[in-house]
Amino acid sequence: MDFFDEFKNAVSVYPRDHVNLDFVQVIAPGTTINKDETVQFKIRINNNGPLTLENVQLHIKGEQDTLVRATSSGAWVSEFNAGALTVAGDGSQESATFYFKPTKVVDPAAQLVSANISQWNAALGRILNGYSNGTPYPTVNYIHEVAGN
């Protein structure tokens, strides 16, 4: 397998190997999440590798008959795609605020919302430019004799 095939394969599994998603800033109206209440949340994308992720789109899906939406108003849906985020290598970025609304009682606790990356582009600038600093090799020296006046 040549370098480009190996590189293509590495990029195709990059999110699996170097990216984590977390629910953050989950805010419910009270101390518990109740049926038919609106809860807001964000998704944090943690990029633990060298590639920059560009045009990251998140797929948000309601589970257990939970509805979701990308804005504070508008129609509730079962799933949507949103975002055009950029996440630098070894960096993190939070999404916009999203919303969910459980439509039934769920006991015991179960998954209400899932999120995954539905689309992204790799940018190589950090790898190509970040590691192309000055180097002592190769070196050229000027050697010549010096005569007296």
N, C-alpha and C. Protein backbone atom coordinates (compact mmCIF):
# COMPACT_ATOMS: atom_id res chain seq x y z
N MET A 1 0.86 -1.17 0.00
CA MET A 1 0.00 0.00 0.00
C MET A 1 0.90 1.24 0.00
N ASP A 2 0.62 2.17 -0.88
CA ASP A 2 1.47 3.36 -0.93
C ASP A 2 1.00 4.42 0.07
N PHE A 3 1.79 5.46 0.21
CA PHE A 3 1.53 6.52 1.18
C PHE A 3 0.14 7.11 1.02
N PHE A 4 -0.28 7.41 -0.20
CA PHE A 4 -1.57 8.08 -0.41
C PHE A 4 -2.74 7.18 -0.05
N ASP A 5 -2.64 5.88 -0.31
CA ASP A 5 -3.69 4.97 0.11
C ASP A 5 -3.76 4.89 1.64
N GLU A 6 -2.61 4.82 2.29
CA GLU A 6 -2.58 4.80 3.75
C GLU A 6 -3.14 6.09 4.32
N PHE A 7 -2.77 7.22 3.71
CA PHE A 7 -3.25 8.52 4.18
C PHE A 7 -4.76 8.61 4.01
N LYS A 8 -5.28 8.18 2.87
CA LYS A 8 -6.73 8.19 2.61
C LYS A 8 -7.46 7.36 3.66
N ASN A 9 -6.92 6.20 3.99
CA ASN A 9 -7.53 5.35 5.01
C ASN A 9 -7.48 6.00 6.39
N ALA A 10 -6.37 6.65 6.70
CA ALA A 10 -6.25 7.33 7.99
C ALA A 10 -7.26 8.47 8.11
N VAL A 11 -7.46 9.21 7.03
CA VAL A 11 -8.44 10.31 7.06
C VAL A 11 -9.85 9.75 7.21
N SER A 12 -10.14 8.64 6.57
CA SER A 12 -11.50 8.10 6.62
C SER A 12 -11.90 7.65 8.03
N VAL A 13 -10.94 7.26 8.86
CA VAL A 13 -11.26 6.84 10.23
C VAL A 13 -10.85 7.90 11.26
N TYR A 14 -10.43 9.05 10.80
CA TYR A 14 -9.97 10.11 11.71
C TYR A 14 -10.99 10.45 12.79
N PRO A 15 -12.27 10.70 12.46
CA PRO A 15 -13.22 11.03 13.53
C PRO A 15 -13.32 9.93 14.59
N ARG A 16 -13.31 8.69 14.16
CA ARG A 16 -13.39 7.58 15.11
C ARG A 16 -12.19 7.56 16.05
N ASP A 17 -11.01 7.84 15.50
CA ASP A 17 -9.78 7.72 16.28
C ASP A 17 -9.37 8.98 17.03
N HIS A 18 -9.85 10.15 16.60
CA HIS A 18 -9.33 11.40 17.15
C HIS A 18 -10.38 12.41 17.60
N VAL A 19 -11.66 12.10 17.47
CA VAL A 19 -12.69 13.09 17.80
C VAL A 19 -13.66 12.50 18.82
N ASN A 20 -14.00 13.31 19.82
CA ASN A 20 -15.01 12.95 20.81
C ASN A 20 -16.09 14.01 20.81
N LEU A 21 -17.32 13.60 21.05
CA LEU A 21 -18.44 14.52 21.18
C LEU A 21 -18.97 14.43 22.60
N ASP A 22 -19.36 15.59 23.16
CA ASP A 22 -19.93 15.64 24.51
C ASP A 22 -21.15 16.54 24.50
N PHE A 23 -22.18 16.16 25.27
CA PHE A 23 -23.28 17.07 25.56
C PHE A 23 -22.81 18.03 26.64
N VAL A 24 -22.98 19.33 26.41
CA VAL A 24 -22.59 20.34 27.39
C VAL A 24 -23.71 21.36 27.53
N GLN A 25 -23.67 22.08 28.61
CA GLN A 25 -24.65 23.14 28.89
C GLN A 25 -26.08 22.64 28.71
N VAL A 26 -26.35 21.46 29.25
CA VAL A 26 -27.71 20.92 29.23
C VAL A 26 -28.50 21.64 30.31
N ILE A 27 -29.52 22.39 29.89
CA ILE A 27 -30.27 23.23 30.83
C ILE A 27 -31.76 22.90 30.72
N ALA A 28 -32.30 22.35 31.81
CA ALA A 28 -33.72 22.05 31.89
C ALA A 28 -34.41 23.15 32.70
N PRO A 29 -35.74 23.30 32.55
CA PRO A 29 -36.44 24.35 33.31
C PRO A 29 -36.36 24.16 34.82
N GLY A 30 -36.25 22.94 35.29
CA GLY A 30 -36.19 22.67 36.73
C GLY A 30 -35.03 21.75 37.05
N THR A 31 -35.14 21.08 38.18
CA THR A 31 -34.06 20.18 38.60
C THR A 31 -34.17 18.81 37.96
N THR A 32 -35.32 18.49 37.36
CA THR A 32 -35.49 17.24 36.64
C THR A 32 -35.97 17.56 35.22
N ILE A 33 -35.89 16.57 34.36
CA ILE A 33 -36.42 16.73 33.00
C ILE A 33 -37.79 16.07 32.99
N ASN A 34 -38.80 16.86 32.68
CA ASN A 34 -40.18 16.37 32.67
C ASN A 34 -40.68 16.24 31.24
N LYS A 35 -41.66 15.38 31.07
CA LYS A 35 -42.34 15.19 29.79
C LYS A 35 -42.86 16.53 29.28
N ASP A 36 -42.68 16.78 27.98
CA ASP A 36 -43.18 17.99 27.30
C ASP A 36 -42.48 19.29 27.73
N GLU A 37 -41.37 19.20 28.43
CA GLU A 37 -40.59 20.40 28.75
C GLU A 37 -39.46 20.55 27.73
N THR A 38 -39.12 21.79 27.43
CA THR A 38 -38.04 22.09 26.49
C THR A 38 -36.72 22.17 27.25
N VAL A 39 -35.74 21.43 26.75
CA VAL A 39 -34.40 21.40 27.34
C VAL A 39 -33.41 21.86 26.29
N GLN A 40 -32.51 22.77 26.68
CA GLN A 40 -31.50 23.22 25.71
C GLN A 40 -30.17 22.53 25.97
N PHE A 41 -29.35 22.44 24.92
CA PHE A 41 -28.05 21.78 25.04
C PHE A 41 -27.15 22.23 23.89
N LYS A 42 -25.88 21.97 24.07
CA LYS A 42 -24.88 22.16 23.01
C LYS A 42 -24.08 20.87 22.89
N ILE A 43 -23.41 20.72 21.77
CA ILE A 43 -22.49 19.60 21.56
C ILE A 43 -21.08 20.18 21.47
N ARG A 44 -20.17 19.66 22.27
CA ARG A 44 -18.76 20.05 22.18
C ARG A 44 -18.04 19.00 21.33
N ILE A 45 -17.32 19.49 20.33
CA ILE A 45 -16.52 18.62 19.47
C ILE A 45 -15.07 18.77 19.93
N ASN A 46 -14.48 17.69 20.39
CA ASN A 46 -13.09 17.67 20.85
C ASN A 46 -12.25 16.97 19.79
N ASN A 47 -11.34 17.71 19.18
CA ASN A 47 -10.47 17.17 18.14
C ASN A 47 -9.10 16.92 18.76
N ASN A 48 -8.76 15.67 18.96
CA ASN A 48 -7.52 15.29 19.64
C ASN A 48 -6.43 14.84 18.67
N GLY A 49 -6.49 15.32 17.44
CA GLY A 49 -5.50 14.95 16.44
C GLY A 49 -5.01 16.16 15.68
N PRO A 50 -4.16 15.97 14.67
CA PRO A 50 -3.50 17.09 13.99
C PRO A 50 -4.31 17.74 12.86
N LEU A 51 -5.34 17.07 12.34
CA LEU A 51 -6.09 17.66 11.23
C LEU A 51 -7.05 18.73 11.73
N THR A 52 -7.28 19.74 10.92
CA THR A 52 -8.34 20.71 11.19
C THR A 52 -9.61 20.18 10.54
N LEU A 53 -10.70 20.18 11.30
CA LEU A 53 -12.00 19.76 10.78
C LEU A 53 -12.73 21.00 10.30
N GLU A 54 -13.13 21.01 9.05
CA GLU A 54 -13.86 22.16 8.49
C GLU A 54 -15.24 21.73 8.05
N ASN A 55 -16.16 22.68 8.06
CA ASN A 55 -17.55 22.43 7.64
C ASN A 55 -18.15 21.22 8.34
N VAL A 56 -17.91 21.14 9.64
CA VAL A 56 -18.45 20.03 10.43
C VAL A 56 -19.96 20.21 10.57
N GLN A 57 -20.68 19.17 10.20
CA GLN A 57 -22.13 19.17 10.34
C GLN A 57 -22.51 18.08 11.33
N LEU A 58 -23.37 18.43 12.27
CA LEU A 58 -23.83 17.48 13.27
C LEU A 58 -25.20 16.94 12.90
N HIS A 59 -25.41 15.66 13.15
CA HIS A 59 -26.72 15.04 12.99
C HIS A 59 -27.27 14.84 14.40
N ILE A 60 -28.37 15.51 14.70
CA ILE A 60 -29.02 15.43 16.01
C ILE A 60 -30.30 14.62 15.84
N LYS A 61 -30.48 13.61 16.69
CA LYS A 61 -31.63 12.73 16.55
C LYS A 61 -32.28 12.50 17.92
N GLY A 62 -33.59 12.66 17.96
CA GLY A 62 -34.34 12.35 19.17
C GLY A 62 -34.56 10.85 19.28
N GLU A 63 -34.40 10.32 20.48
CA GLU A 63 -34.63 8.90 20.77
C GLU A 63 -35.78 8.80 21.76
N GLN A 64 -36.38 7.63 21.89
CA GLN A 64 -37.48 7.42 22.85
C GLN A 64 -38.62 8.41 22.63
N ASP A 65 -38.94 8.68 21.36
CA ASP A 65 -40.00 9.63 20.99
C ASP A 65 -39.71 11.06 21.44
N THR A 66 -38.44 11.39 21.64
CA THR A 66 -38.04 12.75 21.97
C THR A 66 -37.95 13.56 20.68
N LEU A 67 -38.45 14.78 20.72
CA LEU A 67 -38.39 15.67 19.57
C LEU A 67 -37.22 16.63 19.73
N VAL A 68 -36.69 17.11 18.62
CA VAL A 68 -35.54 18.01 18.64
C VAL A 68 -35.77 19.17 17.67
N ARG A 69 -35.03 20.25 17.88
CA ARG A 69 -35.04 21.35 16.91
C ARG A 69 -33.76 22.15 17.05
N ALA A 70 -33.42 22.83 15.97
CA ALA A 70 -32.14 23.55 15.91
C ALA A 70 -32.22 24.97 16.45
N THR A 71 -33.43 25.49 16.64
CA THR A 71 -33.60 26.87 17.12
C THR A 71 -34.63 26.88 18.25
N SER A 72 -34.71 27.99 18.94
CA SER A 72 -35.63 28.08 20.08
C SER A 72 -37.10 28.10 19.65
N SER A 73 -37.36 28.43 18.41
CA SER A 73 -38.73 28.39 17.89
C SER A 73 -38.73 27.60 16.59
N GLY A 74 -39.90 27.27 16.12
CA GLY A 74 -39.98 26.49 14.90
C GLY A 74 -40.52 25.11 15.18
N ALA A 75 -40.61 24.31 14.15
CA ALA A 75 -41.22 22.99 14.26
C ALA A 75 -40.30 22.01 14.96
N TRP A 76 -40.90 21.16 15.79
CA TRP A 76 -40.19 20.04 16.39
C TRP A 76 -40.10 18.92 15.36
N VAL A 77 -38.97 18.25 15.30
CA VAL A 77 -38.75 17.16 14.34
C VAL A 77 -38.08 15.99 15.06
N SER A 78 -37.98 14.87 14.38
CA SER A 78 -37.33 13.70 14.99
C SER A 78 -35.81 13.75 14.85
N GLU A 79 -35.32 14.48 13.82
CA GLU A 79 -33.87 14.60 13.62
C GLU A 79 -33.58 15.74 12.66
N PHE A 80 -32.35 16.25 12.71
CA PHE A 80 -31.92 17.31 11.80
C PHE A 80 -30.40 17.33 11.70
N ASN A 81 -29.89 18.00 10.67
CA ASN A 81 -28.46 18.27 10.51
C ASN A 81 -28.26 19.77 10.70
N ALA A 82 -27.17 20.14 11.35
CA ALA A 82 -26.90 21.57 11.57
C ALA A 82 -25.41 21.81 11.71
N GLY A 83 -25.03 23.05 11.42
CA GLY A 83 -23.67 23.48 11.67
C GLY A 83 -22.82 23.57 10.43
N ALA A 84 -21.81 24.35 10.55
CA ALA A 84 -20.73 24.47 9.58
C ALA A 84 -19.51 24.90 10.39
N LEU A 85 -19.18 24.08 11.37
CA LEU A 85 -18.15 24.43 12.35
C LEU A 85 -16.75 24.10 11.86
N THR A 86 -15.78 24.83 12.39
CA THR A 86 -14.37 24.53 12.17
C THR A 86 -13.76 24.21 13.53
N VAL A 87 -13.03 23.10 13.60
CA VAL A 87 -12.39 22.70 14.85
C VAL A 87 -10.92 22.45 14.56
N ALA A 88 -10.08 23.28 15.14
CA ALA A 88 -8.64 23.17 14.91
C ALA A 88 -8.11 21.86 15.47
N GLY A 89 -6.99 21.41 14.93
CA GLY A 89 -6.31 20.24 15.48
C GLY A 89 -5.96 20.48 16.93
N ASP A 90 -6.12 19.47 17.76
CA ASP A 90 -5.89 19.57 19.20
C ASP A 90 -6.70 20.70 19.82
N GLY A 91 -7.91 20.91 19.31
CA GLY A 91 -8.78 21.96 19.83
C GLY A 91 -10.19 21.45 20.02
N SER A 92 -11.07 22.35 20.46
CA SER A 92 -12.47 21.99 20.62
C SER A 92 -13.34 23.17 20.22
N GLN A 93 -14.59 22.87 19.93
CA GLN A 93 -15.54 23.89 19.50
C GLN A 93 -16.92 23.45 19.97
N GLU A 94 -17.72 24.40 20.45
CA GLU A 94 -19.09 24.10 20.84
C GLU A 94 -20.04 24.50 19.73
N SER A 95 -21.09 23.73 19.59
CA SER A 95 -22.13 24.01 18.61
C SER A 95 -22.99 25.17 19.08
N ALA A 96 -23.91 25.56 18.23
CA ALA A 96 -24.97 26.48 18.64
C ALA A 96 -25.84 25.75 19.67
N THR A 97 -26.75 26.47 20.28
CA THR A 97 -27.68 25.86 21.22
C THR A 97 -28.78 25.13 20.44
N PHE A 98 -29.03 23.89 20.82
CA PHE A 98 -30.10 23.08 20.26
C PHE A 98 -31.11 22.78 21.37
N TYR A 99 -32.23 22.17 21.00
CA TYR A 99 -33.31 21.94 21.95
C TYR A 99 -33.90 20.54 21.77
N PHE A 100 -34.35 19.94 22.89
CA PHE A 100 -35.09 18.70 22.80
C PHE A 100 -36.28 18.75 23.75
N LYS A 101 -37.29 17.92 23.44
CA LYS A 101 -38.50 17.84 24.25
C LYS A 101 -38.96 16.38 24.31
N PRO A 102 -38.83 15.74 25.49
CA PRO A 102 -39.34 14.38 25.63
C PRO A 102 -40.87 14.40 25.54
N THR A 103 -41.44 13.44 24.82
CA THR A 103 -42.90 13.41 24.68
C THR A 103 -43.54 12.29 25.50
N LYS A 104 -42.71 11.54 26.24
CA LYS A 104 -43.26 10.49 27.09
C LYS A 104 -42.35 10.32 28.31
N VAL A 105 -42.89 9.72 29.34
CA VAL A 105 -42.12 9.41 30.54
C VAL A 105 -41.15 8.28 30.21
N VAL A 106 -39.91 8.41 30.64
CA VAL A 106 -38.89 7.39 30.41
C VAL A 106 -38.29 7.01 31.76
N ASP A 107 -38.52 5.78 32.19
CA ASP A 107 -38.00 5.31 33.47
C ASP A 107 -37.77 3.81 33.36
N PRO A 108 -36.58 3.30 33.56
CA PRO A 108 -35.39 3.99 34.03
C PRO A 108 -34.79 4.88 32.95
N ALA A 109 -33.74 5.60 33.33
CA ALA A 109 -33.07 6.53 32.42
C ALA A 109 -32.69 5.83 31.13
N ALA A 110 -32.88 6.52 30.01
CA ALA A 110 -32.55 5.97 28.70
C ALA A 110 -32.06 7.10 27.81
N GLN A 111 -31.46 6.75 26.72
CA GLN A 111 -30.95 7.72 25.75
C GLN A 111 -32.11 8.54 25.20
N LEU A 112 -32.01 9.88 25.30
CA LEU A 112 -33.05 10.78 24.79
C LEU A 112 -32.66 11.42 23.47
N VAL A 113 -31.37 11.74 23.32
CA VAL A 113 -30.88 12.42 22.12
C VAL A 113 -29.53 11.82 21.75
N SER A 114 -29.29 11.65 20.47
CA SER A 114 -27.97 11.23 19.99
C SER A 114 -27.43 12.28 19.03
N ALA A 115 -26.13 12.36 18.95
CA ALA A 115 -25.47 13.29 18.04
C ALA A 115 -24.26 12.61 17.44
N ASN A 116 -24.06 12.84 16.15
CA ASN A 116 -22.86 12.34 15.50
C ASN A 116 -22.48 13.32 14.38
N ILE A 117 -21.28 13.17 13.87
CA ILE A 117 -20.81 14.01 12.77
C ILE A 117 -21.33 13.39 11.48
N SER A 118 -22.13 14.17 10.75
CA SER A 118 -22.69 13.65 9.51
C SER A 118 -21.86 14.03 8.29
N GLN A 119 -21.04 15.07 8.45
CA GLN A 119 -20.21 15.51 7.33
C GLN A 119 -19.06 16.35 7.87
N TRP A 120 -17.91 16.29 7.20
CA TRP A 120 -16.77 17.14 7.56
C TRP A 120 -15.75 17.08 6.43
N ASN A 121 -14.89 18.07 6.43
CA ASN A 121 -13.77 18.13 5.48
C ASN A 121 -12.48 18.25 6.27
N ALA A 122 -11.43 17.63 5.76
CA ALA A 122 -10.12 17.70 6.41
C ALA A 122 -9.32 18.84 5.80
N ALA A 123 -8.64 19.58 6.65
CA ALA A 123 -7.72 20.63 6.20
C ALA A 123 -6.32 20.27 6.69
N LEU A 124 -5.37 20.33 5.79
CA LEU A 124 -4.00 19.90 6.09
C LEU A 124 -3.06 21.03 6.48
N GLY A 125 -3.55 22.26 6.50
CA GLY A 125 -2.68 23.41 6.74
C GLY A 125 -1.81 23.27 7.97
N ARG A 126 -2.37 22.80 9.07
CA ARG A 126 -1.59 22.69 10.30
C ARG A 126 -0.46 21.68 10.15
N ILE A 127 -0.74 20.58 9.47
CA ILE A 127 0.30 19.57 9.27
C ILE A 127 1.36 20.08 8.30
N LEU A 128 0.92 20.64 7.18
CA LEU A 128 1.87 21.07 6.16
C LEU A 128 2.65 22.31 6.57
N ASN A 129 2.00 23.24 7.25
CA ASN A 129 2.67 24.48 7.63
C ASN A 129 3.24 24.44 9.03
N GLY A 130 2.60 23.75 9.93
CA GLY A 130 3.03 23.72 11.32
C GLY A 130 4.31 22.96 11.56
N TYR A 131 4.67 22.09 10.64
CA TYR A 131 5.88 21.30 10.82
C TYR A 131 6.93 21.61 9.77
N SER A 132 6.79 22.75 9.13
CA SER A 132 7.75 23.13 8.10
C SER A 132 8.56 24.33 8.56
N ASN A 133 9.02 24.28 9.81
CA ASN A 133 9.83 25.36 10.37
C ASN A 133 11.26 25.25 9.86
N GLY A 134 12.08 26.23 10.23
CA GLY A 134 13.49 26.20 9.85
C GLY A 134 14.19 24.97 10.39
N THR A 135 15.24 24.57 9.69
CA THR A 135 16.00 23.39 10.09
C THR A 135 17.46 23.61 9.75
N PRO A 136 18.38 23.05 10.55
CA PRO A 136 19.80 23.21 10.24
C PRO A 136 20.26 22.34 9.06
N TYR A 137 19.40 21.48 8.56
CA TYR A 137 19.78 20.59 7.46
C TYR A 137 18.83 20.81 6.30
N PRO A 138 19.25 20.92 5.10
CA PRO A 138 20.65 20.92 4.69
C PRO A 138 21.31 22.27 5.00
N THR A 139 22.61 22.24 5.10
CA THR A 139 23.40 23.44 5.36
C THR A 139 24.41 23.60 4.23
N VAL A 140 24.63 24.83 3.87
CA VAL A 140 25.67 25.12 2.90
C VAL A 140 26.66 26.08 3.56
N ASN A 141 27.95 25.86 3.34
CA ASN A 141 28.99 26.72 3.91
C ASN A 141 29.84 27.28 2.78
N TYR A 142 30.20 28.51 2.91
CA TYR A 142 31.08 29.14 1.92
C TYR A 142 32.51 28.99 2.43
N ILE A 143 33.35 28.35 1.63
CA ILE A 143 34.74 28.12 2.01
C ILE A 143 35.62 28.71 0.91
N HIS A 144 36.56 29.53 1.36
CA HIS A 144 37.46 30.14 0.41
C HIS A 144 38.67 30.60 1.17
N GLU A 145 39.80 30.65 0.51
CA GLU A 145 41.00 31.16 1.18
C GLU A 145 40.99 32.68 1.18
N VAL A 146 41.68 33.26 2.12
CA VAL A 146 41.76 34.71 2.22
C VAL A 146 43.23 35.08 2.11
N ALA A 147 43.54 35.96 1.18
CA ALA A 147 44.93 36.39 0.97
C ALA A 147 45.18 37.71 1.70
N GLY A 148 46.43 37.97 1.99
CA GLY A 148 46.81 39.24 2.61
C GLY A 148 46.91 40.33 1.55
N ASN A 149 46.99 41.59 1.94
CA ASN A 149 47.04 42.71 0.99
C ASN A 149 48.27 42.68 0.20
